[in-house]
Each structure stands twice: as structure tokens, then as C-alpha cells.
C-alpha atoms as a PDB file:
ATOM      1  CA  LEU A   1      -6.081   4.736  17.234  1.00  0.00           C
ATOM      2  CA  ASN A   2      -8.432   3.959  20.078  1.00  0.00           C
ATOM      3  CA  GLY A   3     -10.096   0.832  18.732  1.00  0.00           C
ATOM      4  CA  GLY A   4     -11.275  -2.294  20.512  1.00  0.00           C
ATOM      5  CA  SER A   5      -9.290  -4.708  18.318  1.00  0.00           C
ATOM      6  CA  ASP A   6      -5.791  -4.836  16.845  1.00  0.00           C
ATOM      7  CA  GLN A   7      -4.441  -1.783  15.040  1.00  0.00           C
ATOM      8  CA  ILE A   8      -0.831  -1.912  13.877  1.00  0.00           C
ATOM      9  CA  VAL A   9       1.343   0.868  12.426  1.00  0.00           C
ATOM     10  CA  ASP A  10       4.083  -0.563  10.203  1.00  0.00           C
ATOM     11  CA  ALA A  11       5.742   2.532   8.705  1.00  0.00           C
ATOM     12  CA  LEU A  12       5.700   6.315   8.605  1.00  0.00           C
ATOM     13  CA  ALA A  13       7.101   9.080   6.417  1.00  0.00           C
ATOM     14  CA  ILE A  14       7.474  12.856   6.733  1.00  0.00           C
ATOM     15  CA  GLY A  15       6.831  15.099   3.731  1.00  0.00           C
ATOM     16  CA  PRO A  16       8.509  18.410   2.859  1.00  0.00           C
ATOM     17  CA  SER A  17       5.645  20.383   4.431  1.00  0.00           C
ATOM     18  CA  GLY A  18       6.133  18.469   7.692  1.00  0.00           C
ATOM     19  CA  SER A  19       3.005  16.365   7.192  1.00  0.00           C
ATOM     20  CA  ILE A  20       3.225  12.793   8.492  1.00  0.00           C
ATOM     21  CA  ALA A  21       1.871   9.725   6.697  1.00  0.00           C
ATOM     22  CA  PHE A  22       1.545   6.403   8.492  1.00  0.00           C
ATOM     23  CA  VAL A  23       0.329   3.006   7.310  1.00  0.00           C
ATOM     24  CA  GLY A  24      -0.491  -0.418   8.704  1.00  0.00           C
ATOM     25  CA  SER A  25      -3.457  -2.661   9.344  1.00  0.00           C
ATOM     26  CA  LEU A  26      -6.583  -2.456  11.440  1.00  0.00           C
ATOM     27  CA  GLU A  27      -9.121  -4.930  12.716  1.00  0.00           C
ATOM     28  CA  GLY A  28     -12.479  -3.747  14.000  1.00  0.00           C
ATOM     29  CA  SER A  29     -12.796   0.057  14.183  1.00  0.00           C
ATOM     30  CA  ALA A  30     -10.186   2.770  14.549  1.00  0.00           C
ATOM     31  CA  ASP A  31     -10.750   6.472  15.110  1.00  0.00           C
ATOM     32  CA  LEU A  32      -8.355   8.125  12.655  1.00  0.00           C
ATOM     33  CA  ASP A  33     -10.392  11.364  12.554  1.00  0.00           C
ATOM     34  CA  GLY A  34      -9.607  13.782   9.756  1.00  0.00           C
ATOM     35  CA  GLU A  35     -11.593  14.110   6.553  1.00  0.00           C
ATOM     36  CA  CYS A  36     -13.326  10.891   5.505  1.00  0.00           C
ATOM     37  CA  PRO A  37     -14.864  10.566   2.046  1.00  0.00           C
ATOM     38  CA  PRO A  38     -18.651  10.027   1.915  1.00  0.00           C
ATOM     39  CA  ASN A  39     -18.291   6.471   0.575  1.00  0.00           C
ATOM     40  CA  ASP A  40     -15.975   5.445   3.447  1.00  0.00           C
ATOM     41  CA  PRO A  41     -17.246   7.041   6.678  1.00  0.00           C
ATOM     42  CA  CYS A  42     -15.338   7.481   9.957  1.00  0.00           C
ATOM     43  CA  PRO A  43     -14.438   5.787  12.172  1.00  0.00           C
ATOM     44  CA  ARG A  44     -12.584   3.379   9.936  1.00  0.00           C
ATOM     45  CA  SER A  45     -13.889  -0.196  10.274  1.00  0.00           C
ATOM     46  CA  SER A  46     -12.375  -3.325   8.763  1.00  0.00           C
ATOM     47  CA  ALA A  47     -14.536  -5.304   6.350  1.00  0.00           C
ATOM     48  CA  GLY A  48     -13.520  -8.595   7.951  1.00  0.00           C
ATOM     49  CA  GLU A  49     -10.022  -9.550   9.048  1.00  0.00           C
ATOM     50  CA  ASN A  50      -7.189  -6.978   8.953  1.00  0.00           C
ATOM     51  CA  ASP A  51      -7.592  -4.183   6.396  1.00  0.00           C
ATOM     52  CA  ALA A  52      -4.816  -1.905   5.116  1.00  0.00           C
ATOM     53  CA  PHE A  53      -4.931   1.802   5.962  1.00  0.00           C
ATOM     54  CA  VAL A  54      -3.068   5.034   5.292  1.00  0.00           C
ATOM     55  CA  ALA A  55      -3.537   8.183   7.366  1.00  0.00           C
ATOM     56  CA  MET A  56      -2.139  11.710   7.085  1.00  0.00           C
ATOM     57  CA  LEU A  57      -1.423  14.189   9.873  1.00  0.00           C
ATOM     58  CA  ALA A  58      -0.487  17.856   9.563  1.00  0.00           C
ATOM     59  CA  SER A  59       2.859  18.956  11.005  1.00  0.00           C
ATOM     60  CA  ASP A  60       1.034  19.971  14.206  1.00  0.00           C
ATOM     61  CA  GLY A  61      -0.502  16.474  14.559  1.00  0.00           C
ATOM     62  CA  LYS A  62      -3.988  17.436  13.339  1.00  0.00           C
ATOM     63  CA  PRO A  63      -5.601  14.589  11.339  1.00  0.00           C
ATOM     64  CA  LEU A  64      -6.018  15.521   7.666  1.00  0.00           C
ATOM     65  CA  TRP A  65      -7.343  12.387   5.943  1.00  0.00           C
ATOM     66  CA  SER A  66      -7.341   8.615   6.110  1.00  0.00           C
ATOM     67  CA  LEU A  67      -8.275   5.685   3.888  1.00  0.00           C
ATOM     68  CA  ARG A  68      -8.765   1.993   4.521  1.00  0.00           C
ATOM     69  CA  PHE A  69      -9.043  -0.714   1.912  1.00  0.00           C
ATOM     70  CA  GLY A  70      -9.823  -4.403   2.162  1.00  0.00           C
ATOM     71  CA  ASP A  71     -12.447  -7.132   2.149  1.00  0.00           C
ATOM     72  CA  MET A  72     -13.114 -10.207   4.303  1.00  0.00           C
ATOM     73  CA  LYS A  73      -9.526 -11.452   3.713  1.00  0.00           C
ATOM     74  CA  GLU A  74      -6.265 -10.095   5.185  1.00  0.00           C
ATOM     75  CA  GLN A  75      -4.620  -6.916   3.927  1.00  0.00           C
ATOM     76  CA  SER A  76      -1.789  -4.807   5.337  1.00  0.00           C
ATOM     77  CA  ALA A  77       0.177  -1.738   4.267  1.00  0.00           C
ATOM     78  CA  ALA A  78       3.878  -2.191   5.053  1.00  0.00           C
ATOM     79  CA  GLY A  79       5.687   0.845   3.632  1.00  0.00           C
ATOM     80  CA  VAL A  80       5.085   4.501   2.811  1.00  0.00           C
ATOM     81  CA  ALA A  81       7.067   7.356   1.252  1.00  0.00           C
ATOM     82  CA  MET A  82       6.332  10.965   0.296  1.00  0.00           C
ATOM     83  CA  ASP A  83       7.724  12.941  -2.631  1.00  0.00           C
ATOM     84  CA  ASP A  84       8.703  16.625  -2.825  1.00  0.00           C
ATOM     85  CA  LYS A  85       5.064  17.620  -3.510  1.00  0.00           C
ATOM     86  CA  ASP A  86       3.640  15.653  -0.533  1.00  0.00           C
ATOM     87  CA  ASN A  87       2.200  12.908  -2.767  1.00  0.00           C
ATOM     88  CA  THR A  88       2.097   9.645  -0.822  1.00  0.00           C
ATOM     89  CA  THR A  89       3.011   6.178  -2.108  1.00  0.00           C
ATOM     90  CA  VAL A  90       1.976   3.080  -0.146  1.00  0.00           C
ATOM     91  CA  ILE A  91       3.001  -0.569  -0.554  1.00  0.00           C
ATOM     92  CA  GLY A  92       1.735  -3.729   1.087  1.00  0.00           C
ATOM     93  CA  SER A  93       0.369  -7.220   0.651  1.00  0.00           C
ATOM     94  CA  PHE A  94      -3.152  -8.565   0.434  1.00  0.00           C
ATOM     95  CA  LYS A  95      -5.458 -11.503  -0.094  1.00  0.00           C
ATOM     96  CA  GLY A  96      -8.844 -11.113  -1.802  1.00  0.00           C
ATOM     97  CA  THR A  97      -9.606  -7.646  -3.171  1.00  0.00           C
ATOM     98  CA  ILE A  98      -8.737  -4.075  -2.268  1.00  0.00           C
ATOM     99  CA  LYS A  99      -9.908  -0.788  -3.726  1.00  0.00           C
ATOM    100  CA  PRO A 100      -7.425   1.960  -2.849  1.00  0.00           C
ATOM    101  CA  GLY A 101      -9.235   4.313  -5.227  1.00  0.00           C
ATOM    102  CA  SER A 102     -11.055   3.772  -8.489  1.00  0.00           C
ATOM    103  CA  ASP A 103      -9.052   0.607  -9.235  1.00  0.00           C
ATOM    104  CA  LEU A 104     -10.307  -2.735  -7.888  1.00  0.00           C
ATOM    105  CA  LEU A 105      -7.268  -4.959  -7.322  1.00  0.00           C
ATOM    106  CA  SER A 106      -7.674  -8.733  -6.910  1.00  0.00           C
ATOM    107  CA  SER A 107      -5.108 -11.263  -5.734  1.00  0.00           C
ATOM    108  CA  ALA A 108      -4.296 -14.070  -8.185  1.00  0.00           C
ATOM    109  CA  ASP A 109      -5.438 -16.622  -5.592  1.00  0.00           C
ATOM    110  CA  GLU A 110      -7.593 -15.691  -2.594  1.00  0.00           C
ATOM    111  CA  SER A 111      -5.580 -18.000  -0.316  1.00  0.00           C
ATOM    112  CA  THR A 112      -2.180 -16.389  -1.024  1.00  0.00           C
ATOM    113  CA  TYR A 113      -0.743 -12.887  -0.688  1.00  0.00           C
ATOM    114  CA  ASP A 114      -0.092 -10.569  -3.620  1.00  0.00           C
ATOM    115  CA  MET A 115       1.635  -7.173  -3.483  1.00  0.00           C
ATOM    116  CA  PHE A 116       0.108  -3.747  -4.113  1.00  0.00           C
ATOM    117  CA  ILE A 117       1.353  -0.216  -4.614  1.00  0.00           C
ATOM    118  CA  ALA A 118      -0.873   2.889  -4.567  1.00  0.00           C
ATOM    119  CA  ARG A 119      -0.228   6.602  -4.929  1.00  0.00           C
ATOM    120  CA  PHE A 120      -2.293   9.469  -3.464  1.00  0.00           C
ATOM    121  CA  ASP A 121      -2.133  13.255  -3.812  1.00  0.00           C
ATOM    122  CA  PRO A 122      -1.683  15.561  -0.776  1.00  0.00           C
ATOM    123  CA  SER A 123      -5.469  15.550  -0.172  1.00  0.00           C
ATOM    124  CA  GLY A 124      -5.728  11.743  -0.238  1.00  0.00           C
ATOM    125  CA  ASN A 125      -7.136  11.482  -3.764  1.00  0.00           C
ATOM    126  CA  HIS A 126      -6.164   8.300  -5.596  1.00  0.00           C
ATOM    127  CA  GLN A 127      -3.673   8.805  -8.447  1.00  0.00           C
ATOM    128  CA  ALA A 128      -2.672   5.260  -9.441  1.00  0.00           C
ATOM    129  CA  SER A 129      -2.456   1.700  -8.122  1.00  0.00           C
ATOM    130  CA  ARG A 130      -1.252  -1.723  -9.287  1.00  0.00           C
ATOM    131  CA  ASN A 131      -0.965  -5.218  -7.926  1.00  0.00           C
ATOM    132  CA  PHE A 132       1.521  -8.013  -8.621  1.00  0.00           C
ATOM    133  CA  GLY A 133       1.255 -11.733  -7.982  1.00  0.00           C
ATOM    134  CA  ASP A 134       0.929 -15.195  -9.465  1.00  0.00           C
ATOM    135  CA  GLY A 135      -0.870 -17.455  -6.979  1.00  0.00           C
ATOM    136  CA  LYS A 136       2.089 -17.889  -4.607  1.00  0.00           C
ATOM    137  CA  ASP A 137       2.871 -15.693  -1.593  1.00  0.00           C
ATOM    138  CA  GLN A 138       4.557 -12.357  -2.374  1.00  0.00           C
ATOM    139  CA  TYR A 139       5.233  -9.561   0.109  1.00  0.00           C
ATOM    140  CA  ALA A 140       6.237  -5.912  -0.438  1.00  0.00           C
ATOM    141  CA  GLN A 141       8.112  -4.935   2.737  1.00  0.00           C
ATOM    142  CA  ASP A 142       9.627  -1.462   2.367  1.00  0.00           C
ATOM    143  CA  MET A 143      10.205   1.344  -0.110  1.00  0.00           C
ATOM    144  CA  VAL A 144      11.854   4.693  -0.777  1.00  0.00           C
ATOM    145  CA  LEU A 145      11.303   7.360  -3.440  1.00  0.00           C
ATOM    146  CA  ASP A 146      14.231   8.813  -5.376  1.00  0.00           C
ATOM    147  CA  ASN A 147      14.478  12.477  -6.434  1.00  0.00           C
ATOM    148  CA  ALA A 148      12.547  11.751  -9.647  1.00  0.00           C
ATOM    149  CA  GLY A 149       9.605  10.208  -7.753  1.00  0.00           C
ATOM    150  CA  ASN A 150      10.483   6.631  -8.712  1.00  0.00           C
ATOM    151  CA  ALA A 151       9.619   3.977  -6.116  1.00  0.00           C
ATOM    152  CA  ILE A 152      12.308   1.466  -5.155  1.00  0.00           C
ATOM    153  CA  VAL A 153      10.495  -1.452  -3.521  1.00  0.00           C
ATOM    154  CA  VAL A 154      11.986  -4.417  -1.646  1.00  0.00           C
ATOM    155  CA  GLY A 155      10.311  -7.592  -0.479  1.00  0.00           C
ATOM    156  CA  TYR A 156      10.317 -11.354  -0.711  1.00  0.00           C
ATOM    157  CA  TYR A 157       8.424 -13.857  -2.809  1.00  0.00           C
ATOM    158  CA  GLN A 158       7.566 -17.368  -3.851  1.00  0.00           C
ATOM    159  CA  GLY A 159       6.632 -18.191  -7.445  1.00  0.00           C
ATOM    160  CA  ALA A 160       7.635 -15.687 -10.142  1.00  0.00           C
ATOM    161  CA  PRO A 161       5.747 -12.364  -9.963  1.00  0.00           C
ATOM    162  CA  ASP A 162       5.920 -10.077 -13.000  1.00  0.00           C
ATOM    163  CA  PHE A 163       6.216  -6.283 -12.628  1.00  0.00           C
ATOM    164  CA  SER A 164       6.291  -5.730 -16.420  1.00  0.00           C
ATOM    165  CA  THR A 165       4.328  -2.949 -18.095  1.00  0.00           C
ATOM    166  CA  PRO A 166       4.535  -2.113 -21.821  1.00  0.00           C
ATOM    167  CA  PRO A 167       6.846  -1.085 -23.327  1.00  0.00           C
ATOM    168  CA  ASN A 168       9.159  -2.619 -20.696  1.00  0.00           C
ATOM    169  CA  THR A 169       8.415  -6.343 -20.624  1.00  0.00           C
ATOM    170  CA  ASN A 170      11.628  -7.391 -18.841  1.00  0.00           C
ATOM    171  CA  CYS A 171      10.492  -7.065 -15.239  1.00  0.00           C
ATOM    172  CA  ALA A 172       9.497 -10.658 -14.522  1.00  0.00           C
ATOM    173  CA  LEU A 173      11.308 -12.124 -11.524  1.00  0.00           C
ATOM    174  CA  PRO A 174      12.949 -15.540 -11.881  1.00  0.00           C
ATOM    175  CA  SER A 175      11.208 -18.412 -10.115  1.00  0.00           C
ATOM    176  CA  ALA A 176      12.095 -18.472  -6.433  1.00  0.00           C
ATOM    177  CA  ASN A 177      14.715 -21.106  -5.626  1.00  0.00           C
ATOM    178  CA  GLY A 178      14.088 -21.423  -1.904  1.00  0.00           C
ATOM    179  CA  ALA A 179      11.160 -21.078   0.409  1.00  0.00           C
ATOM    180  CA  PHE A 180      11.362 -17.323  -0.339  1.00  0.00           C
ATOM    181  CA  ASP A 181      13.682 -15.174  -2.452  1.00  0.00           C
ATOM    182  CA  ILE A 182      14.210 -11.419  -2.104  1.00  0.00           C
ATOM    183  CA  PHE A 183      13.670  -8.739  -4.761  1.00  0.00           C
ATOM    184  CA  VAL A 184      14.339  -5.076  -5.485  1.00  0.00           C
ATOM    185  CA  VAL A 185      12.254  -3.361  -8.190  1.00  0.00           C
ATOM    186  CA  LYS A 186      12.101   0.220  -9.461  1.00  0.00           C
ATOM    187  CA  LEU A 187       8.735   1.662 -10.516  1.00  0.00           C
ATOM    188  CA  GLY A 188       8.178   5.049 -12.159  1.00  0.00           C
ATOM    189  CA  PRO A 189       5.833   7.797 -10.927  1.00  0.00           C
ATOM    190  CA  ASP A 190       3.069   6.168 -13.015  1.00  0.00           C
ATOM    191  CA  LEU A 191       3.950   2.838 -11.287  1.00  0.00           C
ATOM    192  CA  SER A 192       5.317   1.289 -14.503  1.00  0.00           C
ATOM    193  CA  CYS A 193       8.407  -0.901 -14.224  1.00  0.00           C
ATOM    194  CA  LEU A 194      11.690   0.823 -15.132  1.00  0.00           C
END
């Protein structure tokens, strides 16, 4: 990534067209090349501490697009998966606020980590995003997509985060019993809890 500070890649995925998505965190500036939207110029630069990023390469390694999202707090993308149409889903954890597209997501408490999930089309356009948290630390660590495009997300948490979305209101996790408990949750293509 050719930056002067820390850049970390945490996960990658390969789509059916052979395109490669990778995610992680960056501090300072990183040259991800590709197509950068006018409101987020290249090279990518963090707004403060680590920011989350997602980048897409063609099957021949040519940069296609990249996005970074974050504020003065810490943010990191930890997992990525691609569906059969090359749509990309990203998960991670963050403090403060992130804006992976048109949605501004805010953590419940700026001093603790909440989880996020965001979905992008093959050109990097934002499709949907959500965040989950309750003022304790919660971390989304990894994910896969099933054949229907549902996201199965794993991670660990304190407190009792709630993934519920109407009409399904039964996706609240029980209060963590230890320092951290683990979870598995299934979210639909629209990121609603299943």
C-alpha cells in the first residue's frame, strides 16, 4: 500500500469473476489507486487514528476501486465476502462514526467498539449498512455468505448487543457472562436479522 504509517490487511475474498476484495485498516495515507469518488480523493488518508478500508482488484491485479471510512477514533474492517454477482460485504468494528456510504453510523459510546456491516455493488457503490452495539465492546471478526446471499457473522462481545430488525425482534444476544462471549448471527441480503 506504500504508505508511511501502518496499513494492515485483515481479510480477502475472490469473486466469481476473479476480482479480489481486501479489507483492513490504515493510518496516514495509502496508495490504493483505482477509481476514487470525488468526495473521497486518492490516495486514501485516515481521518485520525486507524480507519477501515475496502479495496477491489481485477483478476489481473489492476486496482478497480477503494473506499475508506472513519473519523478521529479507531476503525477496522475485519472480514469480507463476495456473492455470485460480485457484490461485496464487509464487517468490522469501530469507535466514533463511520460513513461507508449514505448512512452515518455512530457507536453507542465513543470509548467502546461497536460492530458494522456494509454491502457494496461490483462498482463500489453503497447498497446497505448497519451497526450494532450497546456501550460495551463488541467485535465482528469473520464472515461468510451462503448461496442465498445471507451473511453469517462471528465475533465476540461484552454487554448485550441486539441485531433485531422488524419483523424479527428475537435477535438480541444474552448478556455476556464472562469478559467476552462469542456469537454467530445470520443477516439477510438487506442486512436484517434472520
